[in-house]
């Protein structure tokens, strides 16, 4: 149950990020339906702890009353922490639009592939660099249906969110590299989703 809650929270955050890249205005609503995948990698190499998170989606987003449009997007976060010296070595993040072949999910969440180049910004060095992502998801175990409804109120702004989805755990392998360092040298875990997400914004600026 805790794992499910964490995955829903991460997915909601990622889809919220997606809505910021859409044409949805703060005073309207946003809808998305399609396939998504996420992956988590962590590694301890002597004193350096590396965390990597990758999210990708492919589907249709809509800002009613306008027509829906195809949307394919990926987000990437990389962190490296030197715990021996208590120093942040890398804190990079970025996103990129994807072409049709870049991210594909097979029927019934059986597998997925992501091949993309993401330009990321590193907060530590105040610089940009390209990250090359080549990952494969293989679905394992049964599928699960999830749903949630949430409401957030703040002065002058109300947000209503509704989520429906089917998920499946996945084994993830491949590379996330800057061309010199592969930040994901070992397989790790992730998930595959088929989702419907809706967000309504009232009075938000």
N, C-alpha and C. Protein backbone atom coordinates (compact mmCIF):
# COMPACT_ATOMS: atom_id res chain seq x y z
N UNK A 1 0.82 -1.20 0.00
CA UNK A 1 0.00 0.00 0.00
C UNK A 1 0.86 1.26 0.00
N UNK A 2 1.93 1.29 0.83
CA UNK A 2 2.81 2.45 0.86
C UNK A 2 3.45 2.69 -0.50
N UNK A 3 3.85 1.60 -1.18
CA UNK A 3 4.45 1.75 -2.50
C UNK A 3 3.45 2.34 -3.48
N UNK A 4 2.20 1.88 -3.43
CA UNK A 4 1.17 2.41 -4.32
C UNK A 4 0.96 3.90 -4.09
N UNK A 5 0.90 4.31 -2.82
CA UNK A 5 0.71 5.72 -2.50
C UNK A 5 1.86 6.56 -3.02
N UNK A 6 3.09 6.06 -2.87
CA UNK A 6 4.25 6.80 -3.36
C UNK A 6 4.20 6.94 -4.88
N UNK A 7 3.83 5.86 -5.57
CA UNK A 7 3.78 5.91 -7.02
C UNK A 7 2.71 6.88 -7.49
N UNK A 8 1.56 6.89 -6.83
CA UNK A 8 0.50 7.83 -7.20
C UNK A 8 0.95 9.27 -6.98
N UNK A 9 1.67 9.51 -5.88
CA UNK A 9 2.15 10.85 -5.60
C UNK A 9 3.15 11.31 -6.65
N UNK A 10 4.08 10.42 -7.02
CA UNK A 10 5.07 10.76 -8.03
C UNK A 10 4.42 10.99 -9.38
N UNK A 11 3.46 10.12 -9.74
CA UNK A 11 2.79 10.26 -11.02
C UNK A 11 1.98 11.55 -11.08
N UNK A 12 1.30 11.87 -9.98
CA UNK A 12 0.53 13.11 -9.95
C UNK A 12 1.44 14.31 -10.13
N UNK A 13 2.62 14.29 -9.49
CA UNK A 13 3.58 15.37 -9.64
C UNK A 13 4.07 15.48 -11.08
N UNK A 14 4.38 14.34 -11.69
CA UNK A 14 4.87 14.35 -13.06
C UNK A 14 3.80 14.85 -14.02
N UNK A 15 2.55 14.43 -13.84
CA UNK A 15 1.47 14.89 -14.71
C UNK A 15 1.17 16.37 -14.46
N UNK A 16 1.37 16.83 -13.24
CA UNK A 16 1.22 18.25 -12.98
C UNK A 16 2.27 19.04 -13.74
N UNK A 17 3.49 18.50 -13.79
CA UNK A 17 4.55 19.13 -14.58
C UNK A 17 4.16 19.16 -16.05
N UNK A 18 3.58 18.06 -16.53
CA UNK A 18 3.13 18.00 -17.91
C UNK A 18 2.11 19.08 -18.19
N UNK A 19 1.18 19.32 -17.26
CA UNK A 19 0.15 20.32 -17.49
C UNK A 19 0.75 21.70 -17.63
N UNK A 20 1.89 21.96 -16.98
CA UNK A 20 2.56 23.24 -17.12
C UNK A 20 3.12 23.43 -18.52
N UNK A 21 3.44 22.33 -19.20
CA UNK A 21 3.96 22.41 -20.55
C UNK A 21 2.85 22.42 -21.60
N UNK A 22 1.61 22.21 -21.16
CA UNK A 22 0.49 22.21 -22.08
C UNK A 22 -0.03 23.63 -22.23
N UNK A 23 -1.08 23.76 -23.03
CA UNK A 23 -1.66 25.08 -23.24
C UNK A 23 -2.75 25.39 -22.23
N UNK A 24 -2.90 24.57 -21.20
CA UNK A 24 -3.93 24.81 -20.20
C UNK A 24 -3.65 26.09 -19.45
N UNK A 25 -4.65 26.94 -19.32
CA UNK A 25 -4.48 28.19 -18.59
C UNK A 25 -4.82 27.96 -17.13
N UNK A 26 -4.37 28.88 -16.27
CA UNK A 26 -4.59 28.72 -14.84
C UNK A 26 -6.06 28.81 -14.47
N UNK A 27 -6.86 29.43 -15.33
CA UNK A 27 -8.26 29.59 -15.02
C UNK A 27 -9.15 28.56 -15.68
N UNK A 28 -8.60 27.54 -16.29
CA UNK A 28 -9.40 26.56 -17.00
C UNK A 28 -9.20 25.16 -16.48
N UNK A 29 -9.20 24.20 -17.39
CA UNK A 29 -8.97 22.84 -16.97
C UNK A 29 -8.07 22.12 -17.96
N UNK A 30 -7.52 21.02 -17.49
CA UNK A 30 -6.55 20.25 -18.26
C UNK A 30 -6.89 18.78 -18.15
N UNK A 31 -6.83 18.07 -19.29
CA UNK A 31 -7.09 16.64 -19.29
C UNK A 31 -5.98 15.92 -20.04
N UNK A 32 -5.63 14.74 -19.54
CA UNK A 32 -4.63 13.91 -20.21
C UNK A 32 -5.05 12.46 -20.15
N UNK A 33 -4.85 11.75 -21.23
CA UNK A 33 -5.05 10.30 -21.24
C UNK A 33 -3.96 9.68 -22.10
N UNK A 34 -3.43 8.58 -21.64
CA UNK A 34 -2.37 7.93 -22.41
C UNK A 34 -1.55 7.00 -21.56
N UNK A 35 -0.34 6.70 -22.04
CA UNK A 35 0.57 5.76 -21.37
C UNK A 35 1.75 6.50 -20.77
N UNK A 36 2.19 6.04 -19.61
CA UNK A 36 3.34 6.63 -18.96
C UNK A 36 4.25 5.54 -18.41
N UNK A 37 5.48 5.92 -18.14
CA UNK A 37 6.44 5.00 -17.52
C UNK A 37 7.37 5.81 -16.63
N UNK A 38 7.78 5.22 -15.52
CA UNK A 38 8.78 5.87 -14.68
C UNK A 38 9.81 4.85 -14.21
N UNK A 39 10.97 5.34 -13.84
CA UNK A 39 12.06 4.47 -13.42
C UNK A 39 12.88 5.16 -12.34
N UNK A 40 13.35 4.38 -11.37
CA UNK A 40 14.18 4.88 -10.28
C UNK A 40 15.48 4.10 -10.25
N UNK A 41 16.57 4.81 -10.15
CA UNK A 41 17.87 4.16 -10.03
C UNK A 41 18.61 4.78 -8.84
N UNK A 42 19.28 3.96 -8.06
CA UNK A 42 20.11 4.47 -6.98
C UNK A 42 21.37 3.61 -6.89
N UNK A 43 22.48 4.25 -6.56
CA UNK A 43 23.76 3.55 -6.54
C UNK A 43 24.71 4.22 -5.55
N UNK A 44 25.41 3.41 -4.77
CA UNK A 44 26.44 3.91 -3.87
C UNK A 44 27.79 3.43 -4.36
N UNK A 45 28.65 4.35 -4.71
CA UNK A 45 29.99 4.04 -5.20
C UNK A 45 30.99 4.73 -4.29
N UNK A 46 31.55 3.96 -3.35
CA UNK A 46 32.41 4.51 -2.32
C UNK A 46 31.66 5.60 -1.56
N UNK A 47 32.03 6.86 -1.72
CA UNK A 47 31.38 7.93 -0.96
C UNK A 47 30.22 8.59 -1.71
N UNK A 48 30.08 8.31 -3.00
CA UNK A 48 29.12 9.04 -3.82
C UNK A 48 27.83 8.24 -3.99
N UNK A 49 26.72 8.86 -3.60
CA UNK A 49 25.40 8.26 -3.75
C UNK A 49 24.70 8.93 -4.93
N UNK A 50 24.29 8.13 -5.91
CA UNK A 50 23.63 8.63 -7.12
C UNK A 50 22.17 8.23 -7.16
N UNK A 51 21.29 9.19 -7.41
CA UNK A 51 19.85 8.95 -7.59
C UNK A 51 19.44 9.45 -8.96
N UNK A 52 18.67 8.64 -9.67
CA UNK A 52 18.16 9.03 -10.99
C UNK A 52 16.68 8.70 -11.06
N UNK A 53 15.89 9.63 -11.56
CA UNK A 53 14.48 9.38 -11.80
C UNK A 53 14.14 9.81 -13.23
N UNK A 54 13.42 8.95 -13.94
CA UNK A 54 13.01 9.23 -15.32
C UNK A 54 11.51 9.00 -15.44
N UNK A 55 10.84 9.94 -16.08
CA UNK A 55 9.40 9.84 -16.34
C UNK A 55 9.15 10.14 -17.81
N UNK A 56 8.27 9.36 -18.44
CA UNK A 56 7.92 9.61 -19.84
C UNK A 56 6.44 9.35 -20.04
N UNK A 57 5.83 10.08 -20.97
CA UNK A 57 4.42 9.86 -21.26
C UNK A 57 4.17 10.03 -22.75
N UNK A 58 3.10 9.41 -23.21
CA UNK A 58 2.66 9.56 -24.60
C UNK A 58 1.15 9.45 -24.61
N UNK A 59 0.47 10.49 -25.08
CA UNK A 59 -0.98 10.45 -25.08
C UNK A 59 -1.59 11.68 -25.69
N UNK A 60 -2.77 12.02 -25.19
CA UNK A 60 -3.54 13.17 -25.68
C UNK A 60 -3.80 14.10 -24.51
N UNK A 61 -3.48 15.39 -24.68
CA UNK A 61 -3.88 16.36 -23.67
C UNK A 61 -4.87 17.34 -24.29
N UNK A 62 -5.71 17.90 -23.44
CA UNK A 62 -6.77 18.78 -23.90
C UNK A 62 -7.03 19.86 -22.88
N UNK A 63 -7.28 21.07 -23.37
CA UNK A 63 -7.71 22.18 -22.54
C UNK A 63 -9.07 22.63 -23.05
N UNK A 64 -10.16 21.97 -22.58
CA UNK A 64 -11.49 22.30 -23.07
C UNK A 64 -11.78 23.80 -22.95
N UNK A 65 -12.54 24.36 -23.93
CA UNK A 65 -13.28 23.65 -24.98
C UNK A 65 -12.46 23.39 -26.25
N UNK A 66 -11.17 23.63 -26.22
CA UNK A 66 -10.35 23.38 -27.39
C UNK A 66 -10.19 21.91 -27.67
N UNK A 67 -9.78 21.55 -28.89
CA UNK A 67 -9.60 20.14 -29.24
C UNK A 67 -8.35 19.57 -28.56
N UNK A 68 -8.32 18.26 -28.43
CA UNK A 68 -7.16 17.60 -27.86
C UNK A 68 -6.02 17.51 -28.86
N UNK A 69 -4.83 17.34 -28.36
CA UNK A 69 -3.67 17.21 -29.21
C UNK A 69 -2.69 16.19 -28.67
N UNK A 70 -1.93 15.59 -29.55
CA UNK A 70 -0.96 14.58 -29.15
C UNK A 70 0.14 15.22 -28.30
N UNK A 71 0.58 14.50 -27.29
CA UNK A 71 1.62 14.99 -26.40
C UNK A 71 2.53 13.85 -26.00
N UNK A 72 3.83 14.05 -26.15
CA UNK A 72 4.81 13.05 -25.72
C UNK A 72 5.96 13.81 -25.08
N UNK A 73 6.29 13.45 -23.86
CA UNK A 73 7.22 14.26 -23.06
C UNK A 73 8.00 13.36 -22.12
N UNK A 74 9.23 13.77 -21.77
CA UNK A 74 10.01 13.07 -20.77
C UNK A 74 10.62 14.06 -19.80
N UNK A 75 10.73 13.66 -18.55
CA UNK A 75 11.37 14.45 -17.49
C UNK A 75 12.47 13.61 -16.86
N UNK A 76 13.52 14.28 -16.41
CA UNK A 76 14.70 13.58 -15.90
C UNK A 76 15.30 14.35 -14.72
N UNK A 77 15.64 13.61 -13.65
CA UNK A 77 16.32 14.19 -12.49
C UNK A 77 17.53 13.33 -12.14
N UNK A 78 18.67 13.95 -11.89
CA UNK A 78 19.88 13.25 -11.48
C UNK A 78 20.50 13.97 -10.29
N UNK A 79 20.82 13.21 -9.24
CA UNK A 79 21.47 13.78 -8.07
C UNK A 79 22.67 12.92 -7.68
N UNK A 80 23.77 13.59 -7.36
CA UNK A 80 24.95 12.90 -6.82
C UNK A 80 25.39 13.62 -5.54
N UNK A 81 25.47 12.85 -4.47
CA UNK A 81 25.80 13.40 -3.15
C UNK A 81 27.00 12.67 -2.59
N UNK A 82 28.04 13.44 -2.21
CA UNK A 82 29.23 12.90 -1.56
C UNK A 82 28.99 12.94 -0.06
N UNK A 83 28.59 11.78 0.49
CA UNK A 83 28.23 11.77 1.91
C UNK A 83 29.46 11.78 2.81
N UNK A 84 30.64 11.42 2.28
CA UNK A 84 31.86 11.49 3.09
C UNK A 84 32.21 12.94 3.40
N UNK A 85 32.03 13.82 2.42
CA UNK A 85 32.35 15.24 2.58
C UNK A 85 31.12 16.12 2.69
N UNK A 86 29.93 15.48 2.71
CA UNK A 86 28.67 16.20 2.81
C UNK A 86 28.59 17.32 1.77
N UNK A 87 28.77 16.91 0.51
CA UNK A 87 28.80 17.87 -0.58
C UNK A 87 27.91 17.40 -1.74
N UNK A 88 27.09 18.30 -2.24
CA UNK A 88 26.29 18.00 -3.42
C UNK A 88 27.17 18.17 -4.65
N UNK A 89 27.33 17.08 -5.41
CA UNK A 89 28.19 17.12 -6.60
C UNK A 89 27.42 17.42 -7.87
N UNK A 90 26.16 16.98 -7.92
CA UNK A 90 25.35 17.15 -9.12
C UNK A 90 23.88 17.20 -8.72
N UNK A 91 23.16 18.15 -9.30
CA UNK A 91 21.71 18.26 -9.08
C UNK A 91 21.11 18.77 -10.38
N UNK A 92 20.85 17.85 -11.29
CA UNK A 92 20.46 18.22 -12.65
C UNK A 92 19.05 17.76 -12.96
N UNK A 93 18.33 18.57 -13.73
CA UNK A 93 16.98 18.20 -14.15
C UNK A 93 16.66 18.87 -15.47
N UNK A 94 15.73 18.28 -16.19
CA UNK A 94 15.32 18.84 -17.47
C UNK A 94 14.24 17.99 -18.11
N UNK A 95 13.70 18.49 -19.19
CA UNK A 95 12.65 17.77 -19.91
C UNK A 95 12.79 18.00 -21.40
N UNK A 96 12.11 17.18 -22.18
CA UNK A 96 12.17 17.29 -23.62
C UNK A 96 10.93 16.71 -24.27
N UNK A 97 10.49 17.34 -25.35
CA UNK A 97 9.42 16.77 -26.16
C UNK A 97 9.96 15.56 -26.91
N UNK A 98 9.07 14.59 -27.17
CA UNK A 98 9.48 13.36 -27.84
C UNK A 98 8.77 13.21 -29.17
N UNK A 99 9.47 12.67 -30.14
CA UNK A 99 8.86 12.29 -31.41
C UNK A 99 8.18 10.93 -31.24
N UNK A 100 7.35 10.55 -32.21
CA UNK A 100 6.58 9.32 -32.12
C UNK A 100 7.36 8.09 -31.74
N UNK A 101 8.50 7.80 -32.39
CA UNK A 101 9.24 6.56 -32.09
C UNK A 101 10.05 6.62 -30.80
N UNK A 102 10.20 7.81 -30.19
CA UNK A 102 11.10 7.95 -29.04
C UNK A 102 10.62 7.19 -27.81
N UNK A 103 9.30 7.13 -27.62
CA UNK A 103 8.74 6.45 -26.45
C UNK A 103 7.55 5.62 -26.89
N UNK A 104 7.64 4.30 -26.66
CA UNK A 104 6.58 3.40 -27.07
C UNK A 104 6.27 2.41 -25.95
N UNK A 105 4.97 2.17 -25.74
CA UNK A 105 4.50 1.22 -24.74
C UNK A 105 3.69 0.16 -25.45
N UNK A 106 3.98 -1.10 -25.18
CA UNK A 106 3.26 -2.19 -25.82
C UNK A 106 1.90 -2.38 -25.18
N UNK A 107 1.02 -3.16 -25.83
CA UNK A 107 -0.31 -3.41 -25.31
C UNK A 107 -0.28 -4.08 -23.95
N UNK A 108 -1.26 -3.73 -23.11
CA UNK A 108 -1.43 -4.31 -21.78
C UNK A 108 -0.20 -4.12 -20.89
N UNK A 109 0.52 -3.02 -21.11
CA UNK A 109 1.66 -2.64 -20.27
C UNK A 109 2.71 -3.75 -20.21
N UNK A 110 2.94 -4.39 -21.36
CA UNK A 110 3.92 -5.47 -21.41
C UNK A 110 5.35 -4.98 -21.39
N UNK A 111 5.61 -3.89 -22.09
CA UNK A 111 6.97 -3.36 -22.15
C UNK A 111 6.93 -1.93 -22.66
N UNK A 112 8.07 -1.25 -22.55
CA UNK A 112 8.19 0.11 -23.06
C UNK A 112 9.65 0.39 -23.39
N UNK A 113 9.85 1.34 -24.30
CA UNK A 113 11.20 1.76 -24.67
C UNK A 113 11.25 3.28 -24.76
N UNK A 114 12.32 3.86 -24.25
CA UNK A 114 12.54 5.30 -24.32
C UNK A 114 13.94 5.56 -24.84
N UNK A 115 14.03 6.33 -25.90
CA UNK A 115 15.31 6.71 -26.47
C UNK A 115 15.26 8.21 -26.77
N UNK A 116 15.98 9.00 -25.98
CA UNK A 116 15.85 10.45 -26.10
C UNK A 116 17.11 11.16 -25.62
N UNK A 117 17.26 12.39 -26.06
CA UNK A 117 18.32 13.28 -25.57
C UNK A 117 17.65 14.41 -24.82
N UNK A 118 18.05 14.60 -23.56
CA UNK A 118 17.45 15.62 -22.70
C UNK A 118 18.52 16.61 -22.27
N UNK A 119 18.27 17.89 -22.53
CA UNK A 119 19.17 18.93 -22.06
C UNK A 119 18.79 19.29 -20.64
N UNK A 120 19.72 19.14 -19.70
CA UNK A 120 19.42 19.36 -18.28
C UNK A 120 20.23 20.53 -17.74
N UNK A 121 19.71 21.11 -16.67
CA UNK A 121 20.41 22.19 -15.97
C UNK A 121 20.91 21.67 -14.64
N UNK A 122 22.20 21.88 -14.37
CA UNK A 122 22.81 21.46 -13.11
C UNK A 122 22.90 22.66 -12.18
N UNK A 123 22.19 22.59 -11.05
CA UNK A 123 22.15 23.70 -10.10
C UNK A 123 23.49 23.89 -9.39
N UNK A 124 24.30 22.85 -9.33
CA UNK A 124 25.58 22.96 -8.64
C UNK A 124 26.60 23.76 -9.46
N UNK A 125 26.74 23.40 -10.73
CA UNK A 125 27.73 24.07 -11.58
C UNK A 125 27.14 25.24 -12.37
N UNK A 126 25.82 25.45 -12.26
CA UNK A 126 25.13 26.49 -13.01
C UNK A 126 25.41 26.36 -14.51
N UNK A 127 25.23 25.14 -15.03
CA UNK A 127 25.52 24.88 -16.43
C UNK A 127 24.53 23.87 -17.01
N UNK A 128 24.46 23.82 -18.33
CA UNK A 128 23.59 22.88 -19.04
C UNK A 128 24.44 21.83 -19.74
N UNK A 129 23.89 20.61 -19.84
CA UNK A 129 24.54 19.58 -20.63
C UNK A 129 23.49 18.57 -21.09
N UNK A 130 23.82 17.79 -22.12
CA UNK A 130 22.91 16.81 -22.67
C UNK A 130 23.05 15.47 -21.93
N UNK A 131 21.91 14.83 -21.72
CA UNK A 131 21.87 13.48 -21.16
C UNK A 131 21.19 12.56 -22.17
N UNK A 132 21.80 11.43 -22.42
CA UNK A 132 21.30 10.48 -23.42
C UNK A 132 20.63 9.32 -22.70
N UNK A 133 19.34 9.16 -22.97
CA UNK A 133 18.52 8.16 -22.27
C UNK A 133 18.17 7.02 -23.22
N UNK A 134 18.48 5.81 -22.81
CA UNK A 134 18.15 4.61 -23.59
C UNK A 134 17.71 3.53 -22.60
N UNK A 135 16.40 3.44 -22.35
CA UNK A 135 15.87 2.56 -21.32
C UNK A 135 14.81 1.62 -21.88
N UNK A 136 14.72 0.44 -21.25
CA UNK A 136 13.70 -0.55 -21.59
C UNK A 136 13.00 -1.01 -20.33
N UNK A 137 11.66 -0.97 -20.35
CA UNK A 137 10.83 -1.47 -19.26
C UNK A 137 10.25 -2.82 -19.65
N UNK A 138 10.28 -3.80 -18.76
CA UNK A 138 9.62 -5.09 -18.96
C UNK A 138 8.62 -5.27 -17.82
N UNK A 139 7.32 -5.33 -18.16
CA UNK A 139 6.30 -5.47 -17.15
C UNK A 139 6.38 -6.81 -16.44
N UNK A 140 6.20 -6.79 -15.13
CA UNK A 140 6.24 -8.03 -14.33
C UNK A 140 5.04 -8.04 -13.39
N UNK A 141 4.48 -9.23 -13.18
CA UNK A 141 3.38 -9.35 -12.25
C UNK A 141 2.06 -8.84 -12.80
N UNK A 142 1.04 -8.80 -11.95
CA UNK A 142 -0.30 -8.41 -12.38
C UNK A 142 -0.44 -6.91 -12.54
N UNK A 143 -1.55 -6.50 -13.16
CA UNK A 143 -1.88 -5.08 -13.26
C UNK A 143 -2.83 -4.70 -12.13
N UNK A 144 -2.80 -3.43 -11.75
CA UNK A 144 -3.65 -2.92 -10.67
C UNK A 144 -4.35 -1.64 -11.12
N UNK A 145 -5.59 -1.51 -10.73
CA UNK A 145 -6.33 -0.29 -11.02
C UNK A 145 -6.25 0.66 -9.82
N UNK A 146 -6.01 1.94 -10.12
CA UNK A 146 -5.88 2.94 -9.08
C UNK A 146 -6.79 4.12 -9.40
N UNK A 147 -7.22 4.83 -8.38
CA UNK A 147 -8.01 6.05 -8.59
C UNK A 147 -7.82 6.98 -7.41
N UNK A 148 -7.95 8.27 -7.67
CA UNK A 148 -7.86 9.26 -6.60
C UNK A 148 -8.58 10.53 -7.02
N UNK A 149 -9.10 11.23 -6.03
CA UNK A 149 -9.71 12.54 -6.22
C UNK A 149 -9.15 13.46 -5.15
N UNK A 150 -8.72 14.64 -5.53
CA UNK A 150 -8.13 15.55 -4.55
C UNK A 150 -8.61 16.98 -4.81
N UNK A 151 -8.63 17.75 -3.73
CA UNK A 151 -9.06 19.14 -3.80
C UNK A 151 -8.08 19.99 -2.99
N UNK A 152 -7.63 21.08 -3.58
CA UNK A 152 -6.70 21.98 -2.92
C UNK A 152 -7.26 23.40 -2.96
N UNK A 153 -7.37 24.02 -1.82
CA UNK A 153 -7.89 25.38 -1.73
C UNK A 153 -6.82 26.29 -1.14
N UNK A 154 -6.64 27.44 -1.76
CA UNK A 154 -5.76 28.48 -1.24
C UNK A 154 -6.42 29.81 -1.58
N UNK A 155 -6.02 30.89 -0.94
CA UNK A 155 -6.65 32.18 -1.22
C UNK A 155 -6.62 32.52 -2.71
N UNK A 156 -7.82 32.66 -3.29
CA UNK A 156 -7.92 33.04 -4.69
C UNK A 156 -7.71 31.92 -5.68
N UNK A 157 -7.56 30.67 -5.22
CA UNK A 157 -7.28 29.57 -6.14
C UNK A 157 -7.81 28.25 -5.59
N UNK A 158 -8.57 27.54 -6.44
CA UNK A 158 -9.04 26.21 -6.09
C UNK A 158 -8.63 25.24 -7.21
N UNK A 159 -8.14 24.07 -6.81
CA UNK A 159 -7.73 23.05 -7.78
C UNK A 159 -8.42 21.73 -7.44
N UNK A 160 -9.04 21.15 -8.46
CA UNK A 160 -9.67 19.84 -8.30
C UNK A 160 -8.99 18.88 -9.28
N UNK A 161 -8.52 17.75 -8.78
CA UNK A 161 -7.81 16.79 -9.61
C UNK A 161 -8.47 15.42 -9.49
N UNK A 162 -8.55 14.73 -10.64
CA UNK A 162 -9.12 13.39 -10.67
C UNK A 162 -8.20 12.49 -11.48
N UNK A 163 -7.93 11.32 -10.94
CA UNK A 163 -7.00 10.39 -11.57
C UNK A 163 -7.61 8.99 -11.63
N UNK A 164 -7.48 8.35 -12.80
CA UNK A 164 -7.86 6.95 -12.97
C UNK A 164 -6.75 6.28 -13.76
N UNK A 165 -6.33 5.09 -13.33
CA UNK A 165 -5.24 4.45 -14.05
C UNK A 165 -5.08 2.98 -13.75
N UNK A 166 -4.38 2.31 -14.65
CA UNK A 166 -3.97 0.93 -14.47
C UNK A 166 -2.45 0.89 -14.45
N UNK A 167 -1.88 0.21 -13.47
CA UNK A 167 -0.43 0.20 -13.32
C UNK A 167 0.11 -1.21 -13.30
N UNK A 168 1.41 -1.30 -13.58
CA UNK A 168 2.10 -2.58 -13.52
C UNK A 168 3.56 -2.33 -13.16
N UNK A 169 4.09 -3.10 -12.24
CA UNK A 169 5.51 -2.98 -11.91
C UNK A 169 6.35 -3.41 -13.10
N UNK A 170 7.58 -2.89 -13.15
CA UNK A 170 8.45 -3.20 -14.29
C UNK A 170 9.90 -3.28 -13.85
N UNK A 171 10.64 -4.10 -14.56
CA UNK A 171 12.10 -4.12 -14.44
C UNK A 171 12.66 -3.21 -15.52
N UNK A 172 13.61 -2.38 -15.15
CA UNK A 172 14.13 -1.36 -16.07
C UNK A 172 15.63 -1.54 -16.23
N UNK A 173 16.08 -1.51 -17.49
CA UNK A 173 17.50 -1.62 -17.78
C UNK A 173 17.86 -0.63 -18.88
N UNK A 174 19.15 -0.38 -19.02
CA UNK A 174 19.61 0.55 -20.05
C UNK A 174 20.56 1.56 -19.46
N UNK A 175 20.62 2.73 -20.08
CA UNK A 175 21.59 3.73 -19.65
C UNK A 175 21.00 5.13 -19.65
N UNK A 176 21.48 5.93 -18.70
CA UNK A 176 21.24 7.37 -18.64
C UNK A 176 22.62 7.99 -18.51
N UNK A 177 23.12 8.58 -19.59
CA UNK A 177 24.53 8.93 -19.66
C UNK A 177 24.74 10.34 -20.19
N UNK A 178 25.82 10.98 -19.73
CA UNK A 178 26.21 12.28 -20.29
C UNK A 178 27.25 12.11 -21.39
N UNK A 179 27.45 10.88 -21.84
CA UNK A 179 28.44 10.59 -22.86
C UNK A 179 29.75 10.10 -22.29
N UNK A 180 29.96 10.33 -20.99
CA UNK A 180 31.16 9.87 -20.29
C UNK A 180 30.78 8.92 -19.16
N UNK A 181 29.82 9.34 -18.35
CA UNK A 181 29.40 8.55 -17.19
C UNK A 181 28.01 7.98 -17.41
N UNK A 182 27.85 6.68 -17.20
CA UNK A 182 26.54 6.06 -17.18
C UNK A 182 26.03 6.09 -15.74
N UNK A 183 24.99 6.89 -15.48
CA UNK A 183 24.48 7.05 -14.13
C UNK A 183 23.61 5.88 -13.70
N UNK A 184 23.30 4.96 -14.62
CA UNK A 184 22.44 3.81 -14.30
C UNK A 184 23.09 2.52 -14.78
N UNK A 185 24.22 2.12 -14.19
CA UNK A 185 24.94 0.95 -14.69
C UNK A 185 24.27 -0.37 -14.38
N UNK A 186 23.33 -0.38 -13.44
CA UNK A 186 22.67 -1.63 -13.05
C UNK A 186 21.16 -1.51 -13.24
N UNK A 187 20.48 -2.63 -13.57
CA UNK A 187 19.02 -2.61 -13.71
C UNK A 187 18.36 -2.18 -12.41
N UNK A 188 17.16 -1.62 -12.54
CA UNK A 188 16.43 -1.19 -11.36
C UNK A 188 14.94 -1.37 -11.59
N UNK A 189 14.14 -0.75 -10.74
CA UNK A 189 12.70 -0.92 -10.83
C UNK A 189 11.99 0.32 -11.33
N UNK A 190 10.74 0.12 -11.69
CA UNK A 190 9.91 1.22 -12.16
C UNK A 190 8.48 0.75 -12.31
N UNK A 191 7.72 1.47 -13.10
CA UNK A 191 6.33 1.10 -13.31
C UNK A 191 5.84 1.59 -14.66
N UNK A 192 4.79 0.94 -15.14
CA UNK A 192 4.10 1.31 -16.38
C UNK A 192 2.67 1.66 -16.02
N UNK A 193 2.11 2.68 -16.70
CA UNK A 193 0.76 3.14 -16.39
C UNK A 193 -0.02 3.42 -17.66
N UNK A 194 -1.32 3.17 -17.59
CA UNK A 194 -2.27 3.69 -18.56
C UNK A 194 -3.23 4.56 -17.77
N UNK A 195 -3.28 5.87 -18.06
CA UNK A 195 -3.93 6.80 -17.14
C UNK A 195 -4.92 7.73 -17.84
N UNK A 196 -5.82 8.27 -17.01
CA UNK A 196 -6.67 9.40 -17.35
C UNK A 196 -6.56 10.39 -16.20
N UNK A 197 -6.19 11.62 -16.52
CA UNK A 197 -5.97 12.63 -15.49
C UNK A 197 -6.71 13.90 -15.87
N UNK A 198 -7.41 14.49 -14.90
CA UNK A 198 -8.10 15.76 -15.13
C UNK A 198 -7.83 16.73 -14.02
N UNK A 199 -7.57 18.01 -14.36
CA UNK A 199 -7.34 19.05 -13.38
C UNK A 199 -8.20 20.26 -13.72
N UNK A 200 -8.91 20.78 -12.73
CA UNK A 200 -9.75 21.97 -12.89
C UNK A 200 -9.20 23.08 -12.00
N UNK A 201 -8.92 24.23 -12.61
CA UNK A 201 -8.37 25.39 -11.88
C UNK A 201 -9.43 26.48 -11.85
N UNK A 202 -9.71 26.99 -10.65
CA UNK A 202 -10.71 28.03 -10.48
C UNK A 202 -10.07 29.24 -9.81
N UNK A 203 -10.05 30.36 -10.52
CA UNK A 203 -9.55 31.62 -9.96
C UNK A 203 -8.06 31.66 -9.74
N UNK A 204 -7.30 30.75 -10.36
CA UNK A 204 -5.85 30.71 -10.15
C UNK A 204 -5.15 31.63 -11.14
N UNK A 205 -4.08 32.28 -10.69
CA UNK A 205 -3.30 33.16 -11.56
C UNK A 205 -1.91 32.57 -11.81
